[in-house]
Amino acid sequence: QVQLVESGGGLGQPGGSVRLFCACSGSTFCMKPMGWYRQAPGKQRELVASLGFLSSARYADFVRGRSTLSRDNIQNAIDLQMNNLEREGTAVYYCYVRDLHSNTEYWGKGTQVIVAS
């Protein structure tokens, strides 16, 4: 059983930083691409960043240049460092692991990020 456990997030100030962690366990499925989505109140869930097992990270335009997604392939964990936070970054952030070939994915429960002064 694949399990994703998220941590980090919380309150961050505009222009500040926040870091999100996600650990995947339970299966070799955790070697599949992982990443983060976010969902702001009243909005659809949108991709923030993704990273394959041996590939480079990809970022949404709204975080590119301000965020870094890294992966520990031994621990099957990822962490997302978000800098220069914007108020629009207030959302619940969800970690996922996905296999496009089998169209299978697993999600974490989400972690709240609030950007406010």
N, C-alpha and C. Protein backbone atom coordinates (compact mmCIF):
# COMPACT_ATOMS: atom_id res chain seq x y z
N GLN A 1 0.85 -1.19 0.00
CA GLN A 1 0.00 0.00 0.00
C GLN A 1 0.88 1.24 0.00
N VAL A 2 0.73 2.05 -1.04
CA VAL A 2 1.51 3.27 -1.14
C VAL A 2 0.96 4.30 -0.16
N GLN A 3 1.85 4.94 0.55
CA GLN A 3 1.45 5.97 1.49
C GLN A 3 2.32 7.19 1.30
N LEU A 4 1.69 8.34 1.25
CA LEU A 4 2.39 9.61 1.12
C LEU A 4 2.12 10.43 2.38
N VAL A 5 3.19 10.86 3.01
CA VAL A 5 3.05 11.66 4.23
C VAL A 5 3.72 13.00 4.00
N GLU A 6 2.95 14.05 4.15
CA GLU A 6 3.43 15.41 3.92
C GLU A 6 3.70 16.09 5.26
N SER A 7 4.62 17.02 5.20
CA SER A 7 4.90 17.86 6.38
C SER A 7 5.45 19.19 5.89
N GLY A 8 5.57 20.10 6.82
CA GLY A 8 6.02 21.44 6.47
C GLY A 8 4.83 22.34 6.19
N GLY A 9 5.09 23.44 5.51
CA GLY A 9 4.03 24.40 5.24
C GLY A 9 3.76 25.27 6.44
N GLY A 10 2.50 25.67 6.60
CA GLY A 10 2.15 26.58 7.68
C GLY A 10 2.06 28.00 7.20
N LEU A 11 2.42 28.92 8.09
CA LEU A 11 2.30 30.34 7.79
C LEU A 11 3.62 30.90 7.28
N GLY A 12 3.52 31.63 6.18
CA GLY A 12 4.69 32.31 5.63
C GLY A 12 4.32 33.73 5.26
N GLN A 13 5.27 34.62 5.38
CA GLN A 13 5.01 36.02 5.04
C GLN A 13 5.27 36.27 3.57
N PRO A 14 4.59 37.23 2.99
CA PRO A 14 4.92 37.62 1.61
C PRO A 14 6.40 37.96 1.51
N GLY A 15 7.03 37.38 0.52
CA GLY A 15 8.47 37.57 0.37
C GLY A 15 9.30 36.60 1.17
N GLY A 16 8.66 35.83 2.01
CA GLY A 16 9.36 34.86 2.84
C GLY A 16 9.48 33.51 2.18
N SER A 17 9.76 32.49 2.98
CA SER A 17 9.98 31.16 2.46
C SER A 17 9.20 30.13 3.26
N VAL A 18 8.91 29.03 2.61
CA VAL A 18 8.31 27.88 3.26
C VAL A 18 8.83 26.63 2.57
N ARG A 19 8.86 25.56 3.32
CA ARG A 19 9.39 24.30 2.78
C ARG A 19 8.40 23.18 3.06
N LEU A 20 8.19 22.38 2.03
CA LEU A 20 7.27 21.25 2.11
C LEU A 20 8.03 19.95 1.91
N PHE A 21 7.64 18.94 2.68
CA PHE A 21 8.26 17.63 2.57
C PHE A 21 7.21 16.57 2.28
N CYS A 22 7.61 15.55 1.55
CA CYS A 22 6.71 14.45 1.29
C CYS A 22 7.52 13.17 1.20
N ALA A 23 7.13 12.20 1.99
CA ALA A 23 7.79 10.90 1.98
C ALA A 23 6.84 9.85 1.46
N CYS A 24 7.32 9.04 0.54
CA CYS A 24 6.52 7.97 -0.05
C CYS A 24 7.03 6.63 0.48
N SER A 25 6.11 5.74 0.82
CA SER A 25 6.51 4.44 1.35
C SER A 25 5.50 3.38 0.93
N GLY A 26 5.92 2.12 1.05
CA GLY A 26 5.00 1.03 0.87
C GLY A 26 5.16 0.22 -0.40
N SER A 27 5.91 0.75 -1.37
CA SER A 27 5.99 0.04 -2.65
C SER A 27 7.08 0.64 -3.50
N THR A 28 7.57 -0.16 -4.46
CA THR A 28 8.51 0.39 -5.44
C THR A 28 7.83 1.40 -6.34
N PHE A 29 6.53 1.50 -6.25
CA PHE A 29 5.81 2.53 -7.00
C PHE A 29 6.34 3.92 -6.62
N CYS A 30 6.90 4.01 -5.42
CA CYS A 30 7.44 5.29 -4.96
C CYS A 30 8.63 5.77 -5.79
N MET A 31 9.12 4.96 -6.66
CA MET A 31 10.20 5.37 -7.55
C MET A 31 9.66 6.12 -8.77
N LYS A 32 8.36 6.16 -8.89
CA LYS A 32 7.75 6.88 -10.00
C LYS A 32 7.86 8.40 -9.79
N PRO A 33 7.54 9.17 -10.81
CA PRO A 33 7.57 10.63 -10.67
C PRO A 33 6.68 11.12 -9.52
N MET A 34 7.19 12.07 -8.80
CA MET A 34 6.47 12.68 -7.68
C MET A 34 6.41 14.18 -7.87
N GLY A 35 5.54 14.82 -7.14
CA GLY A 35 5.47 16.26 -7.22
C GLY A 35 4.41 16.84 -6.31
N TRP A 36 4.09 18.09 -6.55
CA TRP A 36 3.13 18.83 -5.74
C TRP A 36 2.10 19.52 -6.61
N TYR A 37 0.86 19.44 -6.17
CA TYR A 37 -0.21 20.26 -6.68
C TYR A 37 -0.63 21.19 -5.55
N ARG A 38 -1.39 22.21 -5.91
CA ARG A 38 -1.98 23.05 -4.89
C ARG A 38 -3.42 23.37 -5.27
N GLN A 39 -4.21 23.64 -4.26
CA GLN A 39 -5.60 24.03 -4.50
C GLN A 39 -5.95 25.17 -3.56
N ALA A 40 -6.18 26.31 -4.16
CA ALA A 40 -6.59 27.48 -3.40
C ALA A 40 -8.11 27.46 -3.22
N PRO A 41 -8.62 28.15 -2.23
CA PRO A 41 -10.07 28.18 -2.01
C PRO A 41 -10.83 28.63 -3.25
N GLY A 42 -11.79 27.84 -3.66
CA GLY A 42 -12.61 28.20 -4.80
C GLY A 42 -11.97 27.99 -6.15
N LYS A 43 -10.79 27.39 -6.17
CA LYS A 43 -10.08 27.19 -7.43
C LYS A 43 -9.80 25.72 -7.67
N GLN A 44 -9.46 25.41 -8.90
CA GLN A 44 -9.12 24.04 -9.24
C GLN A 44 -7.70 23.71 -8.78
N ARG A 45 -7.47 22.44 -8.60
CA ARG A 45 -6.14 21.99 -8.24
C ARG A 45 -5.20 22.22 -9.43
N GLU A 46 -4.00 22.71 -9.16
CA GLU A 46 -3.06 22.99 -10.25
C GLU A 46 -1.67 22.47 -9.88
N LEU A 47 -0.95 22.06 -10.91
CA LEU A 47 0.38 21.51 -10.72
C LEU A 47 1.36 22.60 -10.31
N VAL A 48 2.17 22.33 -9.30
CA VAL A 48 3.19 23.28 -8.86
C VAL A 48 4.55 22.87 -9.40
N ALA A 49 4.93 21.63 -9.18
CA ALA A 49 6.23 21.15 -9.62
C ALA A 49 6.23 19.63 -9.62
N SER A 50 7.05 19.04 -10.47
CA SER A 50 7.15 17.58 -10.54
C SER A 50 8.59 17.19 -10.81
N LEU A 51 8.89 15.94 -10.47
CA LEU A 51 10.28 15.47 -10.60
C LEU A 51 10.28 13.96 -10.74
N GLY A 52 10.95 13.47 -11.78
CA GLY A 52 11.08 12.04 -11.98
C GLY A 52 12.21 11.46 -11.15
N PHE A 53 12.42 10.18 -11.28
CA PHE A 53 13.43 9.49 -10.48
C PHE A 53 14.83 9.97 -10.81
N LEU A 54 15.07 10.19 -12.10
CA LEU A 54 16.41 10.65 -12.51
C LEU A 54 16.33 11.85 -13.45
N SER A 55 15.24 12.56 -13.41
CA SER A 55 15.05 13.67 -14.33
C SER A 55 15.14 15.00 -13.60
N SER A 56 15.09 16.04 -14.39
CA SER A 56 15.12 17.39 -13.83
C SER A 56 13.72 17.82 -13.41
N ALA A 57 13.66 18.70 -12.46
CA ALA A 57 12.37 19.18 -11.98
C ALA A 57 11.72 20.10 -13.01
N ARG A 58 10.40 20.06 -13.02
CA ARG A 58 9.63 20.97 -13.85
C ARG A 58 8.75 21.80 -12.94
N TYR A 59 8.57 23.06 -13.33
CA TYR A 59 7.85 24.00 -12.47
C TYR A 59 6.75 24.71 -13.24
N ALA A 60 5.69 25.02 -12.52
CA ALA A 60 4.67 25.89 -13.09
C ALA A 60 5.24 27.30 -13.19
N ASP A 61 4.71 28.05 -14.14
CA ASP A 61 5.22 29.41 -14.36
C ASP A 61 5.13 30.25 -13.09
N PHE A 62 4.13 30.02 -12.27
CA PHE A 62 3.92 30.90 -11.13
C PHE A 62 4.90 30.63 -9.99
N VAL A 63 5.71 29.56 -10.07
CA VAL A 63 6.73 29.33 -9.05
C VAL A 63 8.14 29.25 -9.63
N ARG A 64 8.23 29.17 -10.95
CA ARG A 64 9.55 29.01 -11.57
C ARG A 64 10.45 30.18 -11.20
N GLY A 65 11.67 29.88 -10.81
CA GLY A 65 12.62 30.91 -10.42
C GLY A 65 12.55 31.25 -8.94
N ARG A 66 11.49 30.80 -8.28
CA ARG A 66 11.33 31.08 -6.85
C ARG A 66 11.29 29.81 -6.01
N SER A 67 11.32 28.66 -6.69
CA SER A 67 11.15 27.41 -5.96
C SER A 67 12.15 26.38 -6.43
N THR A 68 12.45 25.45 -5.55
CA THR A 68 13.34 24.35 -5.88
C THR A 68 12.75 23.05 -5.37
N LEU A 69 12.57 22.11 -6.28
CA LEU A 69 12.08 20.78 -5.91
C LEU A 69 13.23 19.80 -6.00
N SER A 70 13.47 19.09 -4.92
CA SER A 70 14.55 18.11 -4.93
C SER A 70 14.03 16.76 -4.44
N ARG A 71 14.82 15.74 -4.73
CA ARG A 71 14.35 14.39 -4.45
C ARG A 71 15.46 13.56 -3.82
N ASP A 72 15.11 12.81 -2.83
CA ASP A 72 16.01 11.84 -2.22
C ASP A 72 15.56 10.47 -2.71
N ASN A 73 16.29 9.90 -3.65
CA ASN A 73 15.86 8.65 -4.28
C ASN A 73 16.07 7.43 -3.37
N ILE A 74 16.82 7.58 -2.33
CA ILE A 74 16.97 6.48 -1.37
C ILE A 74 15.79 6.46 -0.41
N GLN A 75 15.41 7.63 0.05
CA GLN A 75 14.29 7.74 0.98
C GLN A 75 12.95 7.84 0.26
N ASN A 76 12.98 7.99 -1.07
CA ASN A 76 11.75 8.23 -1.84
C ASN A 76 10.96 9.39 -1.24
N ALA A 77 11.67 10.48 -1.13
CA ALA A 77 11.07 11.69 -0.55
C ALA A 77 11.41 12.89 -1.41
N ILE A 78 10.54 13.85 -1.39
CA ILE A 78 10.79 15.09 -2.10
C ILE A 78 10.60 16.26 -1.15
N ASP A 79 11.26 17.35 -1.45
CA ASP A 79 10.98 18.55 -0.70
C ASP A 79 10.96 19.75 -1.65
N LEU A 80 10.06 20.63 -1.37
CA LEU A 80 9.83 21.81 -2.19
C LEU A 80 10.14 23.05 -1.36
N GLN A 81 11.17 23.75 -1.77
CA GLN A 81 11.55 25.00 -1.13
C GLN A 81 10.93 26.14 -1.93
N MET A 82 10.06 26.90 -1.33
CA MET A 82 9.41 28.02 -2.01
C MET A 82 9.87 29.32 -1.36
N ASN A 83 10.44 30.19 -2.19
CA ASN A 83 10.96 31.47 -1.73
C ASN A 83 10.14 32.61 -2.31
N ASN A 84 10.38 33.78 -1.77
CA ASN A 84 9.69 34.97 -2.26
C ASN A 84 8.19 34.70 -2.41
N LEU A 85 7.59 34.24 -1.32
CA LEU A 85 6.20 33.85 -1.35
C LEU A 85 5.28 34.99 -1.76
N GLU A 86 4.22 34.61 -2.46
CA GLU A 86 3.18 35.55 -2.86
C GLU A 86 1.87 35.14 -2.18
N ARG A 87 1.01 36.12 -1.95
CA ARG A 87 -0.26 35.83 -1.27
C ARG A 87 -1.08 34.78 -2.03
N GLU A 88 -0.91 34.79 -3.35
CA GLU A 88 -1.63 33.82 -4.18
C GLU A 88 -1.18 32.38 -3.92
N GLY A 89 -0.10 32.25 -3.19
CA GLY A 89 0.39 30.92 -2.84
C GLY A 89 -0.36 30.28 -1.71
N THR A 90 -1.32 30.99 -1.12
CA THR A 90 -2.15 30.41 -0.07
C THR A 90 -3.02 29.31 -0.66
N ALA A 91 -2.81 28.10 -0.17
CA ALA A 91 -3.51 26.95 -0.74
C ALA A 91 -3.19 25.72 0.09
N VAL A 92 -3.92 24.66 -0.17
CA VAL A 92 -3.54 23.35 0.35
C VAL A 92 -2.65 22.70 -0.70
N TYR A 93 -1.51 22.23 -0.29
CA TYR A 93 -0.54 21.62 -1.19
C TYR A 93 -0.58 20.10 -1.01
N TYR A 94 -0.73 19.43 -2.14
CA TYR A 94 -0.87 17.97 -2.14
C TYR A 94 0.32 17.32 -2.83
N CYS A 95 0.87 16.35 -2.20
CA CYS A 95 1.93 15.55 -2.78
C CYS A 95 1.31 14.38 -3.55
N TYR A 96 1.94 14.00 -4.64
CA TYR A 96 1.45 12.86 -5.41
C TYR A 96 2.61 12.04 -5.94
N VAL A 97 2.32 10.81 -6.29
CA VAL A 97 3.22 9.95 -7.04
C VAL A 97 2.40 9.32 -8.15
N ARG A 98 2.95 9.28 -9.36
CA ARG A 98 2.14 8.94 -10.52
C ARG A 98 2.91 8.09 -11.52
N ASP A 99 2.20 7.12 -12.07
CA ASP A 99 2.72 6.33 -13.19
C ASP A 99 1.81 6.58 -14.39
N LEU A 100 2.33 7.29 -15.36
CA LEU A 100 1.52 7.65 -16.53
C LEU A 100 1.14 6.43 -17.36
N HIS A 101 2.01 5.44 -17.40
CA HIS A 101 1.75 4.26 -18.25
C HIS A 101 0.53 3.48 -17.77
N SER A 102 0.39 3.33 -16.47
CA SER A 102 -0.74 2.60 -15.92
C SER A 102 -1.87 3.52 -15.48
N ASN A 103 -1.64 4.83 -15.64
CA ASN A 103 -2.64 5.81 -15.22
C ASN A 103 -3.02 5.61 -13.76
N THR A 104 -2.00 5.37 -12.94
CA THR A 104 -2.22 5.15 -11.51
C THR A 104 -1.53 6.26 -10.73
N GLU A 105 -2.18 6.74 -9.72
CA GLU A 105 -1.59 7.79 -8.90
C GLU A 105 -2.07 7.68 -7.46
N TYR A 106 -1.26 8.20 -6.57
CA TYR A 106 -1.59 8.24 -5.16
C TYR A 106 -1.36 9.66 -4.65
N TRP A 107 -2.16 10.03 -3.66
CA TRP A 107 -2.10 11.39 -3.15
C TRP A 107 -1.92 11.40 -1.64
N GLY A 108 -1.25 12.44 -1.18
CA GLY A 108 -1.21 12.71 0.24
C GLY A 108 -2.48 13.44 0.67
N LYS A 109 -2.59 13.68 1.95
CA LYS A 109 -3.79 14.33 2.49
C LYS A 109 -3.75 15.84 2.35
N GLY A 110 -2.58 16.37 2.04
CA GLY A 110 -2.47 17.82 1.87
C GLY A 110 -1.91 18.52 3.09
N THR A 111 -1.21 19.61 2.82
CA THR A 111 -0.68 20.44 3.90
C THR A 111 -0.97 21.91 3.56
N GLN A 112 -1.42 22.66 4.54
CA GLN A 112 -1.85 24.03 4.31
C GLN A 112 -0.67 24.98 4.30
N VAL A 113 -0.67 25.88 3.33
CA VAL A 113 0.26 26.99 3.31
C VAL A 113 -0.56 28.27 3.28
N ILE A 114 -0.28 29.15 4.21
CA ILE A 114 -0.96 30.45 4.26
C ILE A 114 0.10 31.53 4.15
N VAL A 115 -0.07 32.37 3.16
CA VAL A 115 0.86 33.47 2.96
C VAL A 115 0.15 34.75 3.39
N ALA A 116 0.60 35.29 4.48
CA ALA A 116 -0.04 36.48 5.04
C ALA A 116 0.96 37.22 5.90
N SER A 117 0.76 38.55 5.97
CA SER A 117 1.65 39.36 6.80
C SER A 117 1.08 39.54 8.18
